[in-house]
Every structure is written in C-alpha cells, then in structure tokens.
Amino acid sequence: MDVTLHLAQDPEADALLGRSPLAALVGMLLDQQVPMEWAFKGPATIARRLGADDLDAHDIAAQEPEAFAALLSEKPAVHRYPGSMAKRIQQLCQYLVKHYDGDAEAVWRGVDSGTELLERLQELPGFGKQKAQIFLALLGKQLGVRPSGWREAAGAYGEPKAYRSVADITGPESLAKVRAHKQELKAAAKRASGG
C-alpha cells in the first residue's frame, strides 16, 4: 500500500495514511464526532508522540492504558474524547495482534468477496456496519482493494462519485462536496424531527 491520500489535508499525515494500513484503520476509527481532517491527522500525531515513523499494532496493544490515554490527551488532543479513543485504538490493535499477528493489511489481503471483507471489517472493534462500509469504499476507490462485489458490499458509499464519505475525498474540492452532503443530511434529519 503506497498511494497518496488527501483525508487529513496535511501532507505528512496523508503520506502516512497512504503507506500504512494501520494508520488508515486508526484514522477511520477516529472519524466520529470530530472534523474528518482532525480524525485522519490523528495517526501521524500518535506516531510522532511515540517517536516512530509508523504505527505498530504490537506496540500500541502493549502500551499501559493510562499512559496511552495521556499521550492522546496532550495538547492538541488527538480527538475530542482522547481517553475513550485511546481505549478503542488499543482494543483495535489488540484484536489485530490476536487475529492477524498485528498486520492490519491482512484484514483485506487475499479476501475473495466484498461480503467477506465487509464481515471482516465489522468484526474490528469500533467498526459498525456504516464505518465498515465507508472503509470498504475507501479501500476500493482509493487503495485498489477490489474483491468481487466490493461496491455492492459498500452500499451507497461504493457508488462512483457519491461524495458521501471519506472514500470520495481526493482533495479540497471533493472534501467540500462531502461536507455539503453531510450538512444536507443533518438538515434533513433536523427537519424530520421537527427541530
């Protein structure tokens, strides 16, 4: 895996996301309740604070939980909820160590179908169906991981030029389209609830 992603809108952070399967998974895990760019800058910030060029599942899984939470809480914090996200990142890394010998790319390497890949992603701690579908769409659209039926398994996120999620962000213009889509969804939800 060595592609150019534009999810963090920061060259160093995006370079790490494009070469590190674990960084991409951690960025996706962090992508909730904060702006997308903030979430996807997180892996580079964590690596830098650990004094490393990349994230290592074995290392993160073995970190003392309070120390790892403190690392994510340093200013600027990696996430709005650094303590709970530190726990989730460690759970993800512990799962990867147990099931994939710490090799994040093994989650999708050699998978035969989009359905199988979606199931594998949904088994990851912190990955519900929507997050798994978005990550599956990112793998297919930008990282060249395209088992048969991947678009169908990714649902609406797999549609070409959907601009529904991070899977469609390739630069500032597409980021603006995705952001506009999310704002329209929030406005529709507010109208539906009578707010």
Protein backbone atom coordinates (compact mmCIF):
# COMPACT_ATOMS: atom_id res chain seq x y z
CA MET A 1 0.00 0.00 0.00
CA ASP A 2 1.59 3.23 -1.11
CA VAL A 3 -0.81 5.78 -2.53
CA THR A 4 -1.44 9.45 -1.99
CA LEU A 5 -4.47 10.13 0.15
CA HIS A 6 -5.89 13.56 0.96
CA LEU A 7 -8.03 12.83 4.01
CA ALA A 8 -6.13 14.87 6.60
CA GLN A 9 -5.39 17.71 4.16
CA ASP A 10 -1.88 17.63 5.66
CA PRO A 11 0.99 16.21 3.53
CA GLU A 12 2.79 14.36 6.36
CA ALA A 13 -0.39 12.85 7.82
CA ASP A 14 -1.74 11.92 4.38
CA ALA A 15 1.56 10.26 3.41
CA LEU A 16 1.34 8.04 6.49
CA LEU A 17 -2.29 7.14 5.73
CA GLY A 18 -1.33 6.19 2.18
CA ARG A 19 1.51 3.86 3.17
CA SER A 20 0.27 2.43 6.47
CA PRO A 21 -2.77 0.15 6.63
CA LEU A 22 -2.88 0.51 10.42
CA ALA A 23 -2.79 4.31 10.21
CA ALA A 24 -5.70 4.23 7.75
CA LEU A 25 -7.72 1.97 10.09
CA VAL A 26 -6.95 4.15 13.11
CA GLY A 27 -7.91 7.29 11.18
CA MET A 28 -11.22 5.67 10.25
CA LEU A 29 -11.76 4.67 13.87
CA LEU A 30 -11.17 8.27 14.99
CA ASP A 31 -13.56 9.64 12.35
CA GLN A 32 -16.56 10.38 14.55
CA GLN A 33 -17.67 13.47 16.43
CA VAL A 34 -14.72 15.49 15.08
CA PRO A 35 -13.94 17.04 11.67
CA MET A 36 -12.62 14.45 9.19
CA GLU A 37 -9.26 16.18 8.82
CA TRP A 38 -8.72 16.13 12.59
CA ALA A 39 -9.53 12.42 12.75
CA PHE A 40 -7.19 11.49 9.92
CA LYS A 41 -4.33 13.61 11.31
CA GLY A 42 -4.56 11.51 14.47
CA PRO A 43 -2.41 8.56 13.33
CA ALA A 44 0.52 10.84 12.38
CA THR A 45 0.22 12.67 15.71
CA ILE A 46 0.20 9.38 17.62
CA ALA A 47 3.22 8.06 15.69
CA ARG A 48 5.16 11.29 16.29
CA ARG A 49 4.38 11.22 20.02
CA LEU A 50 5.51 7.59 20.17
CA GLY A 51 8.75 8.61 18.45
CA ALA A 52 8.02 6.41 15.43
CA ASP A 53 7.59 6.77 11.65
CA ASP A 54 4.54 4.50 11.65
CA LEU A 55 2.06 2.90 13.99
CA ASP A 56 2.79 -0.60 15.27
CA ALA A 57 -0.14 -2.72 16.47
CA HIS A 58 2.05 -4.78 18.83
CA ASP A 59 3.50 -1.63 20.43
CA ILE A 60 0.14 0.13 20.83
CA ALA A 61 -1.57 -3.03 22.14
CA ALA A 62 1.10 -3.34 24.83
CA GLN A 63 1.05 0.32 25.96
CA GLU A 64 0.00 0.99 29.54
CA PRO A 65 -3.61 2.24 29.08
CA GLU A 66 -3.32 5.38 31.24
CA ALA A 67 -0.04 6.38 29.60
CA PHE A 68 -1.51 5.85 26.12
CA ALA A 69 -4.59 7.91 27.05
CA ALA A 70 -2.29 10.67 28.34
CA LEU A 71 -0.38 10.56 25.04
CA LEU A 72 -3.61 11.16 23.09
CA SER A 73 -4.69 13.88 25.55
CA GLU A 74 -1.56 16.04 25.12
CA LYS A 75 -2.36 19.41 23.53
CA PRO A 76 -3.52 19.45 20.85
CA ALA A 77 -5.59 16.37 21.73
CA VAL A 78 -5.87 13.67 19.07
CA HIS A 79 -9.67 13.60 19.48
CA ARG A 80 -12.45 15.37 21.34
CA TYR A 81 -12.63 12.26 23.57
CA PRO A 82 -8.97 11.22 23.82
CA GLY A 83 -9.43 8.82 26.74
CA SER A 84 -12.19 6.74 25.18
CA MET A 85 -10.48 6.82 21.78
CA ALA A 86 -7.19 5.67 23.29
CA LYS A 87 -9.05 2.66 24.69
CA ARG A 88 -10.69 1.95 21.31
CA ILE A 89 -7.38 2.22 19.44
CA GLN A 90 -5.78 -0.21 21.89
CA GLN A 91 -8.71 -2.61 21.52
CA LEU A 92 -8.35 -2.44 17.73
CA CYS A 93 -4.61 -3.11 17.94
CA GLN A 94 -5.10 -5.96 20.44
CA TYR A 95 -7.62 -7.53 18.06
CA LEU A 96 -5.21 -7.17 15.13
CA VAL A 97 -2.40 -8.76 17.17
CA LYS A 98 -4.63 -11.67 18.23
CA HIS A 99 -6.27 -12.37 14.85
CA TYR A 100 -3.80 -11.03 12.26
CA ASP A 101 -0.42 -11.07 14.04
CA GLY A 102 -0.58 -7.27 14.14
CA ASP A 103 -0.72 -6.96 10.33
CA ALA A 104 -3.59 -4.57 9.55
CA GLU A 105 -3.34 -5.21 5.81
CA ALA A 106 -4.07 -8.90 6.46
CA VAL A 107 -7.66 -7.85 7.19
CA TRP A 108 -8.18 -7.39 3.44
CA ARG A 109 -5.26 -9.22 1.82
CA GLY A 110 -6.48 -12.20 -0.22
CA VAL A 111 -10.16 -11.68 0.52
CA ASP A 112 -12.35 -13.18 -2.22
CA SER A 113 -15.52 -11.10 -1.96
CA GLY A 114 -16.80 -7.75 -0.85
CA THR A 115 -19.17 -9.52 1.53
CA GLU A 116 -16.30 -11.35 3.23
CA LEU A 117 -14.32 -8.13 3.51
CA LEU A 118 -17.29 -6.26 4.99
CA GLU A 119 -17.70 -9.05 7.57
CA ARG A 120 -14.01 -8.84 8.50
CA LEU A 121 -14.19 -5.06 8.88
CA GLN A 122 -17.34 -5.27 11.01
CA GLU A 123 -15.53 -7.68 13.35
CA LEU A 124 -12.97 -4.97 14.16
CA PRO A 125 -13.54 -3.22 17.50
CA GLY A 126 -15.16 0.17 16.90
CA PHE A 127 -16.34 -0.66 13.36
CA GLY A 128 -20.10 -0.87 12.99
CA LYS A 129 -21.72 -1.52 9.62
CA GLN A 130 -21.61 2.09 8.40
CA LYS A 131 -17.96 2.63 9.34
CA ALA A 132 -17.06 -0.74 7.80
CA GLN A 133 -18.87 0.15 4.56
CA ILE A 134 -17.15 3.53 4.37
CA PHE A 135 -13.73 1.94 4.91
CA LEU A 136 -14.53 -0.76 2.34
CA ALA A 137 -15.42 2.00 -0.14
CA LEU A 138 -12.13 3.78 0.68
CA LEU A 139 -10.20 0.56 0.07
CA GLY A 140 -11.92 0.03 -3.27
CA LYS A 141 -11.96 3.59 -4.56
CA GLN A 142 -8.52 4.78 -3.47
CA LEU A 143 -6.38 1.86 -2.28
CA GLY A 144 -7.00 -0.63 -5.11
CA VAL A 145 -8.55 -3.32 -2.89
CA ARG A 146 -11.40 -4.56 -5.08
CA PRO A 147 -12.61 -8.07 -4.37
CA SER A 148 -15.66 -9.12 -6.40
CA GLY A 149 -18.81 -7.35 -5.23
CA TRP A 150 -16.94 -4.70 -3.23
CA ARG A 151 -19.14 -1.84 -4.47
CA GLU A 152 -22.33 -3.67 -3.55
CA ALA A 153 -20.94 -4.60 -0.10
CA ALA A 154 -20.02 -0.94 0.48
CA GLY A 155 -23.62 0.09 -0.20
CA ALA A 156 -24.25 3.69 -1.22
CA TYR A 157 -20.64 4.55 -0.23
CA GLY A 158 -19.37 2.35 -3.06
CA GLU A 159 -21.22 4.26 -5.77
CA PRO A 160 -18.90 6.17 -8.13
CA LYS A 161 -18.58 9.88 -7.36
CA ALA A 162 -21.03 9.56 -4.46
CA TYR A 163 -19.35 12.25 -2.30
CA ARG A 164 -20.93 10.70 0.80
CA SER A 165 -17.82 9.91 2.85
CA VAL A 166 -14.05 9.99 3.19
CA ALA A 167 -13.93 7.32 0.47
CA ASP A 168 -14.57 10.09 -2.08
CA ILE A 169 -12.14 12.71 -0.78
CA THR A 170 -9.26 13.27 -3.16
CA GLY A 171 -8.62 16.95 -2.46
CA PRO A 172 -10.18 20.21 -1.24
CA GLU A 173 -12.95 20.26 -3.89
CA SER A 174 -14.22 16.75 -3.11
CA LEU A 175 -13.87 17.45 0.63
CA ALA A 176 -16.23 20.41 0.18
CA LYS A 177 -18.73 18.17 -1.68
CA VAL A 178 -18.65 15.53 1.07
CA ARG A 179 -19.04 18.21 3.73
CA ALA A 180 -22.04 19.68 1.86
CA HIS A 181 -23.62 16.20 1.64
CA LYS A 182 -23.19 15.69 5.41
CA GLN A 183 -24.68 19.12 6.15
CA GLU A 184 -27.70 18.31 3.98
CA LEU A 185 -28.20 15.03 5.86
CA LYS A 186 -28.10 16.86 9.20
CA ALA A 187 -30.56 19.48 7.94
CA ALA A 188 -32.93 16.77 6.65
CA ALA A 189 -32.74 14.93 9.98
CA LYS A 190 -33.49 18.17 11.82
CA ARG A 191 -36.49 18.86 9.56
CA ALA A 192 -37.74 15.30 10.04
CA SER A 193 -37.57 15.60 13.83
CA GLY A 194 -39.42 18.93 13.73
CA GLY A 195 -36.36 20.80 15.06
